[in-house]
Amino acid sequence: MAPSKKQTVLCPEEIYQLIDDGHAIVILDRKVLKLDSWLQYHPGGDKCILHMVGRDASDEIVAFHPEDVRTQMLRYQIGVLVNRWDNVLPPIQRGPVEETIEIDVDDGTDSDTLSSACSNIFDDDRLGPNLTRRRVQTGSISSRSSVSDTGSTSPEKTDVKNDTKLPKLPELTSESIDSIPPMDQEKLDEIAVSFRNLIAKLNSQGLYNCNYWAYFSDVARITTIFAIMVFFLHKGWYVTSSVFLGAFWHQLVFIAHDAGHKGITHNYHIDTLIGMTVGNHLGGLSMGWWKRSHNIHHVITNDPAHDEGIQHLPFMAISTEFFKSLYSTYHDRVMAYNAFAQTVVPYQKYLYYPLLCFGRFNLYVLSLEFIFRDKGPKSNRWHRFYELSGQVFFWFWFGYLIMWCTIPTWTQRFLFLMISHMVTMPLHVQFTLSHFAMSTITPGRNEPWAMQQLRTTMDVDCPAWLDWMHGGLQFQAVHHLFPTMPRHNLRKASEEVKVWSKETGVKYEVYGFVECNGRVLGRLEEVGRQARYLRDCQERVLAEGAFLRGDWE
C-alpha cells in the first residue's frame, strides 16, 4: 500500500526549493511541516515561525508547546526526512540583499531525474512579503553557507568615490563565544539529546507543576501593597503613595510574565486571560504586544537585527553591528545610526540607568500602537477588544480617578506620575541585565537550542529570601531553557542546569547582582568607546578633506 502524503520521504533539494519559493517550511522531529496557512493565526505571532523556516525547530517547539498542541501541528505535515536536517538561513534573516537558495546538484543529475526522485508537492499558494522569493542580480548566496558568508561580520568599508579601503572597526568578541570549545556535529547532537533528557528529568521531578501556594503569597503581597498605596493616597501623602504604586506595578509584571508563558495553569486561554487582565486593566500594558515581542526574543535571542529586546537605538547599542544602521526584521524598518545616535551612544554607560527610569512610558506607547494598529494574530480576535477595554479601565482608574480627581495640584500630579514610574526602574534593569553583556554573535546555524540560550543569557546569583524582589527574572538563563516552567521552581532547576553544564561543557554563567551590573556597564562602555572612535575618525576625514584626495596624493 502506498504511503500517505504525510509519510512521503522528501529530499533536501526539494525542501530547499520550497523555501526558496516562499513556503514556511519547519522541521519537527524529522517531520516536514508546511505552515503557510497558519502564519497569520499563530498566537505567538507570525515572525516566530518565520525565524524557524528552514530549521529543525524541534527543541524550540517542545519548549513552548505542550504535547497536545504538537500533535495538532501534524495536520500541516507534508513529508518526512530520512537523515538529520542541516539548518538553512531563514529568508527573513537574509537581510536587505536579495538572495536565493542555491541547490547543489551533481553534474550527472538533470532536472528530470531530480523531479522524479522527489515527490511533487508544490502548491500555488504563496506567502506575503516576509517570505517572497529573493533573487540576486549577479550570482547567488547559498542558504547553507556559514554565518560569515551572509555578511554578519563587519566588512571593510569602501570610499565609493575613490575606491579606497577604510579601516575596519574592531569587533567585540564576547567571553561567552570564546568559552565555547570547538565541537563537531556529533558532539552538538549529543548536547541536544542530553538536554532533552534533562527536560524529562525535571518533568519527572514535578518542576513543571505550579506551586499555587506560592502564588497565594504573591497575591497577598500585591494586594497589601495596593492597599497601602490607597491608604497614603487618601491621607494626602502623595509621594509615599506613588512609591507603593510603583512597587505594585513592579510585582504585577511577574505574574503577567508567568501568564504570558502559560506558567500558571498551563492552559492557554486561562493564562492569557490572567495576563491580559493583569497587564492591561491593572498595569496599562498590552499582553498581546508583549507576547509578539517576547516570543521572538526567546527564539532569536540577542541577535542585533532580529531581537527587539536589544534594539534601543538611537539611545543605546550593545554591539558595533548597530553602527551599520541595521534593518530590524521585528520593526520592519532600518534602525538608523544617525547623528543623534552618534552623539548619545558614546556616553551610553552614563545614560543607562537614567534612561531606564523612563522605560515604562515607552511600553505604554508600544502597547497602544500594537492594539490600535491591530498587529495581533487573526486568531482569538476577542483578545484585542478585551485589551482595549483594559486600556480604558486602566486610564480611568489611574489617569482620571487618581491623577485628576484625587491629586489636587499639577505639581503633585507630575511628581506622583514620575515617581510611580521611576520606582519600576529596577524592573527594567532586570529585563536587560541578563542579556546586554552576553554574546550577540551566532557561531553557526546548527547550534543547539540549549547552547544558544546559555550563550546569550546569564543568571543573577541572589539569596532565596530575595526571590520575591526579582520575581524569577534572576534566573533568566534557566527560564530561557524552560520557558513554561513556573518561576517558583526555577531555583531548583538551576541546580540541575549547573550539573548538566559541567557534564556537557556548555558554560552556564551566574554572577552576583553587582558583577552583572558591572559587566553590562563594561559592555556599554566598550561599545561607546568604539562609537567615539568611529565618530572621531569620520570627523577627522571630513575636516581634512581626505575623502576628496586620491591615492596619488
Protein backbone atom coordinates (compact mmCIF):
# COMPACT_ATOMS: atom_id res chain seq x y z
CA MET A 1 0.00 0.00 0.00
CA ALA A 2 1.35 3.40 -0.97
CA PRO A 3 2.40 5.65 1.93
CA SER A 4 0.21 8.61 2.81
CA LYS A 5 1.28 12.04 1.67
CA LYS A 6 2.42 12.88 5.19
CA GLN A 7 4.83 9.94 5.17
CA THR A 8 6.37 10.81 1.82
CA VAL A 9 10.14 10.89 2.06
CA LEU A 10 11.39 14.30 0.92
CA CYS A 11 14.89 15.00 -0.31
CA PRO A 12 16.70 18.13 0.94
CA GLU A 13 16.82 19.70 -2.53
CA GLU A 14 13.05 19.75 -2.74
CA ILE A 15 12.76 21.36 0.68
CA TYR A 16 15.34 23.97 -0.32
CA GLN A 17 13.24 24.77 -3.37
CA LEU A 18 10.05 25.03 -1.33
CA ILE A 19 11.74 27.53 0.97
CA ASP A 20 13.11 29.48 -1.98
CA ASP A 21 9.59 29.60 -3.43
CA GLY A 22 8.35 31.29 -0.27
CA HIS A 23 6.85 28.48 1.78
CA ALA A 24 7.10 28.35 5.57
CA ILE A 25 8.85 25.00 5.98
CA VAL A 26 9.76 23.96 9.54
CA ILE A 27 11.21 20.65 10.72
CA LEU A 28 9.80 18.92 13.82
CA ASP A 29 11.37 15.58 14.77
CA ARG A 30 12.23 14.89 11.10
CA LYS A 31 8.66 15.67 10.09
CA VAL A 32 8.36 18.40 7.46
CA LEU A 33 5.68 20.97 8.29
CA LYS A 34 4.33 23.49 5.78
CA LEU A 35 2.85 26.29 7.88
CA ASP A 36 1.85 28.85 5.23
CA SER A 37 -1.84 28.90 6.15
CA TRP A 38 -1.16 29.04 9.91
CA LEU A 39 1.19 32.02 9.94
CA GLN A 40 -1.39 34.76 10.47
CA TYR A 41 -3.22 32.74 13.14
CA HIS A 42 -0.24 31.69 15.27
CA PRO A 43 -0.94 33.03 18.79
CA GLY A 44 2.75 33.80 19.28
CA GLY A 45 2.92 35.88 16.11
CA ASP A 46 3.94 35.03 12.56
CA LYS A 47 7.57 36.10 12.92
CA CYS A 48 8.31 33.38 15.45
CA ILE A 49 7.58 30.89 12.69
CA LEU A 50 9.40 32.90 10.03
CA HIS A 51 12.59 32.78 12.11
CA MET A 52 12.30 28.97 12.21
CA VAL A 53 11.81 28.46 8.46
CA GLY A 54 14.42 26.05 7.12
CA ARG A 55 15.43 24.96 10.62
CA ASP A 56 14.98 21.92 12.78
CA ALA A 57 12.86 23.66 15.40
CA SER A 58 12.13 20.56 17.48
CA ASP A 59 13.65 21.89 20.71
CA GLU A 60 12.09 25.33 20.29
CA ILE A 61 8.65 23.87 19.61
CA VAL A 62 8.85 21.49 22.57
CA ALA A 63 9.97 24.34 24.83
CA PHE A 64 6.85 26.41 24.13
CA HIS A 65 4.11 23.94 23.20
CA PRO A 66 2.53 21.05 25.15
CA GLU A 67 2.18 17.63 23.61
CA ASP A 68 -1.44 18.08 22.51
CA VAL A 69 -0.53 21.22 20.55
CA ARG A 70 2.43 19.47 18.93
CA THR A 71 0.07 16.71 17.84
CA GLN A 72 -2.22 19.28 16.21
CA MET A 73 0.76 20.65 14.28
CA LEU A 74 0.98 17.38 12.37
CA ARG A 75 -2.06 18.40 10.32
CA TYR A 76 0.42 20.59 8.40
CA GLN A 77 2.86 17.74 7.78
CA ILE A 78 3.77 17.21 4.13
CA GLY A 79 6.51 14.60 4.45
CA VAL A 80 9.38 13.17 6.46
CA LEU A 81 13.17 13.24 6.41
CA VAL A 82 15.35 10.15 6.49
CA ASN A 83 18.55 11.79 7.73
CA ARG A 84 19.22 14.63 10.16
CA TRP A 85 18.48 18.08 8.79
CA ASP A 86 21.19 20.67 8.20
CA ASN A 87 19.69 24.05 9.07
CA VAL A 88 19.49 26.79 6.45
CA LEU A 89 19.26 30.52 6.98
CA PRO A 90 15.60 31.60 7.22
CA PRO A 91 14.66 34.00 4.42
CA ILE A 92 13.59 36.65 6.93
CA GLN A 93 17.17 36.72 8.26
CA ARG A 94 18.92 37.15 4.93
CA GLY A 95 18.96 40.90 5.16
CA PRO A 96 18.13 43.59 2.62
CA VAL A 97 20.36 42.00 -0.04
CA GLU A 98 18.14 39.84 -2.17
CA GLU A 99 19.31 36.27 -2.38
CA THR A 100 18.17 32.80 -3.24
CA ILE A 101 18.85 29.30 -2.03
CA GLU A 102 21.49 27.60 -4.11
CA ILE A 103 20.64 23.97 -4.82
CA ASP A 104 23.69 21.78 -5.25
CA VAL A 105 23.02 19.15 -7.92
CA ASP A 106 25.64 16.67 -9.08
CA ASP A 107 26.82 17.14 -12.64
CA GLY A 108 25.27 13.85 -13.62
CA THR A 109 21.81 14.74 -12.36
CA ASP A 110 19.43 16.56 -14.66
CA SER A 111 16.23 18.32 -13.69
CA ASP A 112 14.04 15.42 -14.81
CA THR A 113 15.92 12.96 -12.62
CA LEU A 114 15.71 15.33 -9.67
CA SER A 115 11.99 15.90 -10.06
CA SER A 116 11.30 12.19 -10.30
CA ALA A 117 13.40 11.42 -7.24
CA CYS A 118 11.39 13.80 -5.09
CA SER A 119 7.63 13.92 -4.68
CA ASN A 120 5.79 16.77 -6.34
CA ILE A 121 4.16 18.74 -3.53
CA PHE A 122 4.46 22.28 -4.86
CA ASP A 123 1.29 24.29 -4.38
CA ASP A 124 0.24 27.54 -5.96
CA ASP A 125 -0.33 29.46 -2.72
CA ARG A 126 2.42 31.84 -1.70
CA LEU A 127 3.23 33.94 1.33
CA GLY A 128 3.45 37.66 1.81
CA PRO A 129 6.48 39.96 1.60
CA ASN A 130 8.27 38.33 4.53
CA LEU A 131 8.79 35.09 2.64
CA THR A 132 8.84 36.02 -1.02
CA ARG A 133 11.35 34.60 -3.44
CA ARG A 134 14.61 36.54 -3.29
CA ARG A 135 16.93 36.80 -6.30
CA VAL A 136 20.34 38.33 -6.67
CA GLN A 137 21.36 40.38 -9.63
CA THR A 138 24.71 38.65 -10.03
CA GLY A 139 25.25 35.19 -8.61
CA SER A 140 23.57 33.81 -5.52
CA ILE A 141 24.21 33.20 -1.87
CA SER A 142 23.71 29.70 -0.56
CA SER A 143 21.48 29.46 2.47
CA ARG A 144 23.80 26.73 3.66
CA SER A 145 26.83 28.96 3.81
CA SER A 146 28.38 29.99 7.08
CA VAL A 147 27.24 33.00 9.03
CA SER A 148 30.20 34.99 7.85
CA ASP A 149 29.24 34.24 4.26
CA THR A 150 25.96 36.08 4.72
CA GLY A 151 27.60 39.23 5.85
CA SER A 152 27.09 39.11 9.58
CA THR A 153 30.66 40.17 10.27
CA SER A 154 31.88 43.67 9.58
CA PRO A 155 33.19 44.09 6.05
CA GLU A 156 35.82 46.64 5.20
CA LYS A 157 34.25 49.97 4.39
CA THR A 158 34.97 51.40 0.96
CA ASP A 159 35.11 55.05 -0.08
CA VAL A 160 32.86 54.88 -3.13
CA LYS A 161 34.30 57.95 -4.80
CA ASN A 162 37.94 56.95 -4.52
CA ASP A 163 37.50 53.16 -4.20
CA THR A 164 39.84 53.17 -1.20
CA LYS A 165 39.64 50.88 1.80
CA LEU A 166 38.88 52.49 5.14
CA PRO A 167 39.94 50.81 8.40
CA LYS A 168 37.59 48.10 9.65
CA LEU A 169 36.12 48.83 13.04
CA PRO A 170 37.23 46.14 15.51
CA GLU A 171 34.51 43.71 16.50
CA LEU A 172 33.52 42.91 20.06
CA THR A 173 34.28 39.31 20.97
CA SER A 174 32.06 38.01 23.75
CA GLU A 175 33.59 36.00 26.54
CA SER A 176 30.73 33.60 26.01
CA ILE A 177 31.85 32.96 22.43
CA ASP A 178 35.45 32.45 23.49
CA SER A 179 34.38 29.96 26.14
CA ILE A 180 32.64 27.65 23.66
CA PRO A 181 35.09 24.90 22.66
CA PRO A 182 35.20 23.76 19.03
CA MET A 183 32.64 21.00 18.53
CA ASP A 184 31.83 18.73 15.63
CA GLN A 185 28.28 17.95 14.62
CA GLU A 186 28.28 14.68 16.53
CA LYS A 187 29.09 16.50 19.76
CA LEU A 188 26.39 19.10 19.08
CA ASP A 189 23.85 16.32 18.54
CA GLU A 190 24.91 14.73 21.82
CA ILE A 191 24.30 18.02 23.63
CA ALA A 192 20.83 18.31 22.09
CA VAL A 193 19.92 14.76 23.17
CA SER A 194 21.36 15.35 26.64
CA PHE A 195 19.26 18.48 27.03
CA ARG A 196 16.09 16.62 26.09
CA ASN A 197 16.94 14.07 28.77
CA LEU A 198 17.35 16.94 31.23
CA ILE A 199 13.85 18.21 30.38
CA ALA A 200 12.44 14.73 31.01
CA LYS A 201 14.26 14.60 34.35
CA LEU A 202 12.91 17.95 35.50
CA ASN A 203 9.43 16.97 34.38
CA SER A 204 9.64 13.76 36.41
CA GLN A 205 10.63 15.83 39.45
CA GLY A 206 7.42 17.84 39.11
CA LEU A 207 9.15 21.13 38.35
CA TYR A 208 6.68 21.91 35.58
CA ASN A 209 3.83 21.79 38.11
CA CYS A 210 2.75 25.13 39.52
CA ASN A 211 3.05 25.85 43.25
CA TYR A 212 -0.24 27.64 43.84
CA TRP A 213 0.57 28.30 47.49
CA ALA A 214 3.44 30.46 46.28
CA TYR A 215 1.01 32.40 44.09
CA PHE A 216 -1.30 32.84 47.07
CA SER A 217 1.60 34.52 48.85
CA ASP A 218 2.28 36.69 45.78
CA VAL A 219 -1.34 37.82 45.51
CA ALA A 220 -1.47 38.61 49.23
CA ARG A 221 1.68 40.72 48.98
CA ILE A 222 0.50 42.60 45.89
CA THR A 223 -2.92 43.26 47.42
CA THR A 224 -1.28 44.59 50.58
CA ILE A 225 0.95 46.93 48.58
CA PHE A 226 -2.06 48.27 46.68
CA ALA A 227 -4.00 48.79 49.92
CA ILE A 228 -1.09 50.74 51.42
CA MET A 229 -0.95 52.88 48.27
CA VAL A 230 -4.66 53.70 48.58
CA PHE A 231 -4.27 54.45 52.30
CA PHE A 232 -1.50 57.00 51.78
CA LEU A 233 -3.34 58.45 48.79
CA HIS A 234 -6.41 59.00 50.98
CA LYS A 235 -4.23 60.64 53.65
CA GLY A 236 -2.72 63.02 51.10
CA TRP A 237 0.79 61.54 51.30
CA TYR A 238 1.09 61.54 47.54
CA VAL A 239 4.83 60.92 47.23
CA THR A 240 4.67 57.92 49.57
CA SER A 241 1.60 56.65 47.76
CA SER A 242 3.37 56.91 44.40
CA VAL A 243 6.23 54.75 45.68
CA PHE A 244 3.82 51.97 46.63
CA LEU A 245 2.01 52.27 43.29
CA GLY A 246 5.33 51.71 41.51
CA ALA A 247 6.00 48.70 43.75
CA PHE A 248 2.52 47.40 42.90
CA TRP A 249 3.27 47.56 39.17
CA HIS A 250 6.70 46.03 39.75
CA GLN A 251 5.19 42.94 41.38
CA LEU A 252 2.35 42.65 38.86
CA VAL A 253 4.79 42.21 35.98
CA PHE A 254 6.00 38.90 37.41
CA ILE A 255 2.50 37.41 37.29
CA ALA A 256 1.89 38.79 33.80
CA HIS A 257 5.19 37.28 32.64
CA ASP A 258 4.26 33.89 34.07
CA ALA A 259 0.83 34.02 32.46
CA GLY A 260 2.29 35.01 29.10
CA HIS A 261 4.40 31.85 29.16
CA LYS A 262 1.46 29.67 30.28
CA GLY A 263 3.36 29.03 33.50
CA ILE A 264 0.41 29.29 35.90
CA THR A 265 -2.32 26.89 34.78
CA HIS A 266 -0.59 25.72 31.55
CA ASN A 267 -3.92 26.40 29.84
CA TYR A 268 -3.51 28.88 27.00
CA HIS A 269 -6.91 30.55 27.34
CA ILE A 270 -6.92 30.83 31.14
CA ASP A 271 -3.35 32.09 31.40
CA THR A 272 -3.86 34.53 28.54
CA LEU A 273 -6.94 35.94 30.27
CA ILE A 274 -4.96 36.33 33.50
CA GLY A 275 -2.11 38.00 31.64
CA MET A 276 -4.36 40.41 29.73
CA THR A 277 -6.22 41.39 32.90
CA VAL A 278 -3.10 41.95 34.96
CA GLY A 279 -1.24 43.63 32.12
CA ASN A 280 -3.93 45.90 30.67
CA HIS A 281 -6.51 46.53 33.38
CA LEU A 282 -4.06 46.89 36.26
CA GLY A 283 -0.84 47.90 34.50
CA GLY A 284 -1.79 49.61 31.24
CA LEU A 285 0.47 47.32 29.20
CA SER A 286 -0.62 45.08 26.33
CA MET A 287 -0.10 41.36 26.82
CA GLY A 288 -0.52 40.87 23.06
CA TRP A 289 2.34 43.27 22.34
CA TRP A 290 4.48 41.58 24.97
CA LYS A 291 3.87 38.12 23.50
CA ARG A 292 4.69 39.24 19.98
CA SER A 293 7.95 40.84 21.08
CA HIS A 294 8.96 38.43 23.82
CA ASN A 295 8.44 35.22 21.86
CA ILE A 296 10.77 36.45 19.14
CA HIS A 297 13.26 37.41 21.85
CA HIS A 298 13.20 33.80 23.05
CA VAL A 299 13.75 32.15 19.66
CA ILE A 300 16.40 34.53 18.26
CA THR A 301 17.93 35.84 21.48
CA ASN A 302 20.42 38.70 21.30
CA ASP A 303 20.58 38.92 17.53
CA PRO A 304 21.05 42.64 16.74
CA ALA A 305 18.93 42.54 13.58
CA HIS A 306 16.08 40.40 14.90
CA ASP A 307 15.73 40.59 18.70
CA GLU A 308 13.65 43.64 19.63
CA GLY A 309 14.78 43.24 23.22
CA ILE A 310 18.23 44.66 22.45
CA GLN A 311 17.23 47.18 19.76
CA HIS A 312 17.45 50.50 21.60
CA LEU A 313 18.81 52.93 19.03
CA PRO A 314 19.21 55.87 18.97
CA PHE A 315 19.87 55.76 22.73
CA MET A 316 21.89 52.57 23.28
CA ALA A 317 23.80 49.94 21.31
CA ILE A 318 25.27 46.78 22.82
CA SER A 319 27.10 45.77 19.64
CA THR A 320 29.07 47.55 16.94
CA GLU A 321 26.70 45.88 14.47
CA PHE A 322 24.25 48.69 15.21
CA PHE A 323 26.71 51.19 13.71
CA LYS A 324 25.71 49.80 10.29
CA SER A 325 22.11 51.07 10.54
CA LEU A 326 20.73 47.54 10.59
CA TYR A 327 17.36 46.59 9.19
CA SER A 328 15.14 45.36 12.02
CA THR A 329 13.02 42.40 10.97
CA TYR A 330 10.85 42.99 14.04
CA HIS A 331 10.06 46.64 13.34
CA ASP A 332 10.29 46.23 9.54
CA ARG A 333 12.43 49.33 9.22
CA VAL A 334 16.03 50.50 9.31
CA MET A 335 17.40 51.35 12.75
CA ALA A 336 19.28 54.44 11.66
CA TYR A 337 22.59 55.11 13.36
CA ASN A 338 22.01 58.80 12.78
CA ALA A 339 23.60 61.97 14.09
CA PHE A 340 21.62 61.78 17.32
CA ALA A 341 22.74 58.19 17.95
CA GLN A 342 26.35 59.10 17.15
CA THR A 343 26.11 61.79 19.82
CA VAL A 344 24.36 59.72 22.50
CA VAL A 345 25.81 56.19 22.17
CA PRO A 346 29.40 57.20 23.13
CA TYR A 347 28.02 58.17 26.55
CA GLN A 348 25.53 55.33 26.97
CA LYS A 349 27.33 53.96 30.03
CA TYR A 350 26.29 57.08 31.94
CA LEU A 351 22.80 57.22 30.43
CA TYR A 352 21.90 53.56 31.07
CA TYR A 353 20.19 53.92 34.45
CA PRO A 354 18.59 57.34 33.78
CA LEU A 355 17.08 56.05 30.52
CA LEU A 356 15.61 53.02 32.25
CA CYS A 357 13.73 55.33 34.61
CA PHE A 358 11.51 56.21 31.65
CA GLY A 359 11.15 52.65 30.36
CA ARG A 360 7.50 52.28 31.36
CA PHE A 361 6.45 55.27 29.26
CA ASN A 362 7.95 53.56 26.21
CA LEU A 363 5.96 50.42 26.99
CA TYR A 364 2.73 52.45 27.00
CA VAL A 365 3.49 53.71 23.50
CA LEU A 366 4.35 50.25 22.19
CA SER A 367 1.24 48.73 23.77
CA LEU A 368 -1.16 51.31 22.35
CA GLU A 369 0.47 51.09 18.93
CA PHE A 370 0.05 47.30 18.95
CA ILE A 371 -3.62 47.49 19.91
CA PHE A 372 -4.75 50.38 17.71
CA ARG A 373 -2.81 49.21 14.66
CA ASP A 374 -4.19 45.69 15.13
CA LYS A 375 -0.84 43.93 14.98
CA GLY A 376 -2.06 40.80 16.74
CA PRO A 377 -2.76 37.40 15.16
CA LYS A 378 -6.00 36.71 13.33
CA SER A 379 -6.94 34.02 15.84
CA ASN A 380 -8.82 34.80 19.08
CA ARG A 381 -9.93 38.21 17.85
CA TRP A 382 -11.67 38.91 21.15
CA HIS A 383 -8.23 39.45 22.71
CA ARG A 384 -7.89 42.81 21.00
CA PHE A 385 -11.23 44.10 22.28
CA TYR A 386 -10.54 42.80 25.76
CA GLU A 387 -7.21 44.62 25.76
CA LEU A 388 -8.94 47.78 24.54
CA SER A 389 -11.37 47.53 27.46
CA GLY A 390 -8.39 47.04 29.75
CA GLN A 391 -6.73 50.21 28.48
CA VAL A 392 -9.93 52.19 29.06
CA PHE A 393 -10.24 50.75 32.55
CA PHE A 394 -6.58 51.47 33.43
CA TRP A 395 -6.58 55.07 32.27
CA PHE A 396 -9.90 55.60 34.04
CA TRP A 397 -8.73 54.45 37.49
CA PHE A 398 -5.16 55.73 37.18
CA GLY A 399 -5.45 58.71 34.87
CA TYR A 400 -8.86 60.02 35.91
CA LEU A 401 -9.71 58.81 39.43
CA ILE A 402 -6.21 59.10 40.91
CA MET A 403 -4.29 61.64 38.83
CA TRP A 404 -7.17 64.02 38.07
CA CYS A 405 -9.80 63.59 40.77
CA THR A 406 -7.67 62.81 43.83
CA ILE A 407 -4.41 64.74 43.49
CA PRO A 408 -5.15 68.48 43.72
CA THR A 409 -2.27 70.34 42.02
CA TRP A 410 -0.36 69.96 38.76
CA THR A 411 2.98 69.85 40.61
CA GLN A 412 1.81 67.00 42.82
CA ARG A 413 0.36 65.19 39.83
CA PHE A 414 3.66 65.45 37.98
CA LEU A 415 5.61 64.18 41.00
CA PHE A 416 3.17 61.32 41.51
CA LEU A 417 3.40 60.32 37.85
CA MET A 418 7.18 60.45 37.65
CA ILE A 419 7.95 58.79 40.99
CA SER A 420 5.48 55.94 40.48
CA HIS A 421 7.04 55.18 37.10
CA MET A 422 10.66 55.63 38.16
CA VAL A 423 10.18 53.20 41.04
CA THR A 424 9.78 50.48 38.39
CA MET A 425 13.29 51.22 37.06
CA PRO A 426 14.86 48.14 38.79
CA LEU A 427 12.45 46.02 36.78
CA HIS A 428 13.87 47.38 33.53
CA VAL A 429 17.37 46.74 34.87
CA GLN A 430 16.35 43.12 35.38
CA PHE A 431 14.97 42.93 31.83
CA THR A 432 18.32 43.95 30.36
CA LEU A 433 20.78 42.63 32.94
CA SER A 434 20.83 39.03 31.75
CA HIS A 435 21.42 39.82 28.06
CA PHE A 436 23.24 43.10 27.48
CA ALA A 437 26.67 41.73 28.42
CA MET A 438 26.27 38.43 26.60
CA SER A 439 27.10 37.26 23.09
CA THR A 440 25.48 38.87 20.06
CA ILE A 441 27.39 36.73 17.53
CA THR A 442 25.97 33.41 16.33
CA PRO A 443 28.67 30.75 15.90
CA GLY A 444 26.62 28.63 13.50
CA ARG A 445 23.10 27.76 12.35
CA ASN A 446 23.25 24.22 13.75
CA GLU A 447 23.88 25.49 17.28
CA PRO A 448 21.61 23.54 19.66
CA TRP A 449 18.80 25.40 21.38
CA ALA A 450 20.32 24.95 24.84
CA MET A 451 23.72 26.29 23.75
CA GLN A 452 22.11 29.32 22.16
CA GLN A 453 20.21 30.19 25.32
CA LEU A 454 23.19 29.83 27.65
CA ARG A 455 25.44 31.71 25.22
CA THR A 456 23.15 34.74 25.20
CA THR A 457 21.83 34.75 28.77
CA MET A 458 23.33 34.86 32.26
CA ASP A 459 21.75 34.42 35.68
CA VAL A 460 21.96 36.61 38.76
CA ASP A 461 23.05 34.96 41.99
CA CYS A 462 20.94 36.18 44.90
CA PRO A 463 19.73 34.74 48.23
CA ALA A 464 16.44 32.85 48.25
CA TRP A 465 14.80 35.36 50.60
CA LEU A 466 15.11 37.99 47.83
CA ASP A 467 13.30 35.92 45.21
CA TRP A 468 10.13 37.97 45.77
CA MET A 469 12.01 41.08 44.64
CA HIS A 470 13.48 39.54 41.48
CA GLY A 471 10.33 37.60 40.59
CA GLY A 472 12.18 34.82 38.80
CA LEU A 473 13.96 37.23 36.45
CA GLN A 474 17.23 36.45 38.24
CA PHE A 475 17.02 33.01 36.61
CA GLN A 476 16.70 34.26 33.04
CA ALA A 477 19.06 31.62 31.62
CA VAL A 478 17.13 28.79 33.24
CA HIS A 479 13.86 30.42 32.21
CA HIS A 480 15.07 30.61 28.61
CA LEU A 481 15.85 26.89 28.71
CA PHE A 482 12.45 26.01 30.20
CA PRO A 483 10.13 28.95 29.36
CA THR A 484 6.89 27.32 30.56
CA MET A 485 8.31 26.22 33.91
CA PRO A 486 6.67 28.09 36.83
CA ARG A 487 9.12 30.64 38.22
CA HIS A 488 8.90 29.35 41.79
CA ASN A 489 10.65 26.17 40.58
CA LEU A 490 13.48 27.86 38.68
CA ARG A 491 15.85 27.87 41.67
CA LYS A 492 15.66 24.07 41.91
CA ALA A 493 16.05 23.75 38.15
CA SER A 494 19.16 25.96 38.21
CA GLU A 495 20.95 23.38 40.37
CA GLU A 496 20.25 20.71 37.77
CA VAL A 497 21.44 23.03 35.00
CA LYS A 498 24.75 23.52 36.84
CA VAL A 499 25.28 19.76 36.88
CA TRP A 500 24.28 19.43 33.22
CA SER A 501 26.61 22.28 32.29
CA LYS A 502 29.60 20.51 33.84
CA GLU A 503 28.72 17.25 32.13
CA THR A 504 28.37 18.74 28.65
CA GLY A 505 30.92 21.58 28.78
CA VAL A 506 28.29 24.18 27.89
CA LYS A 507 29.05 27.18 30.07
CA TYR A 508 26.33 28.37 32.43
CA GLU A 509 27.18 31.88 33.60
CA VAL A 510 25.99 33.02 37.03
CA TYR A 511 27.26 36.17 38.74
CA GLY A 512 26.29 38.35 41.66
CA PHE A 513 23.99 41.32 41.13
CA VAL A 514 26.81 43.85 41.40
CA GLU A 515 29.06 41.95 38.99
CA CYS A 516 26.22 41.55 36.48
CA ASN A 517 25.70 45.31 36.51
CA GLY A 518 29.44 45.80 36.12
CA ARG A 519 29.52 43.52 33.09
CA VAL A 520 26.64 45.38 31.46
CA LEU A 521 28.26 48.75 32.10
CA GLY A 522 31.54 47.36 30.77
CA ARG A 523 29.85 46.30 27.53
CA LEU A 524 28.16 49.68 27.18
CA GLU A 525 31.45 51.44 27.85
CA GLU A 526 33.33 49.34 25.27
CA VAL A 527 30.75 49.89 22.53
CA GLY A 528 30.59 53.56 23.47
CA ARG A 529 34.38 53.81 23.15
CA GLN A 530 34.24 52.33 19.67
CA ALA A 531 31.40 54.71 18.80
CA ARG A 532 33.63 57.62 19.80
CA TYR A 533 36.47 56.14 17.76
CA LEU A 534 34.27 55.87 14.69
CA ARG A 535 32.84 59.36 15.15
CA ASP A 536 36.28 60.92 15.64
CA CYS A 537 37.60 59.16 12.52
CA GLN A 538 34.70 60.43 10.45
CA GLU A 539 35.08 63.97 11.75
CA ARG A 540 38.82 63.93 11.03
CA VAL A 541 38.30 62.64 7.50
CA LEU A 542 35.76 65.39 6.85
CA ALA A 543 37.91 68.08 8.45
CA GLU A 544 41.00 67.14 6.42
CA GLY A 545 39.03 66.56 3.22
CA ALA A 546 40.67 63.15 2.91
CA PHE A 547 37.69 61.78 1.01
CA LEU A 548 38.45 64.27 -1.80
CA ARG A 549 42.02 63.06 -2.36
CA GLY A 550 43.19 60.06 -4.33
CA ASP A 551 45.96 57.59 -3.59
CA TRP A 552 48.38 59.60 -5.77
CA GLU A 553 48.32 62.43 -3.23
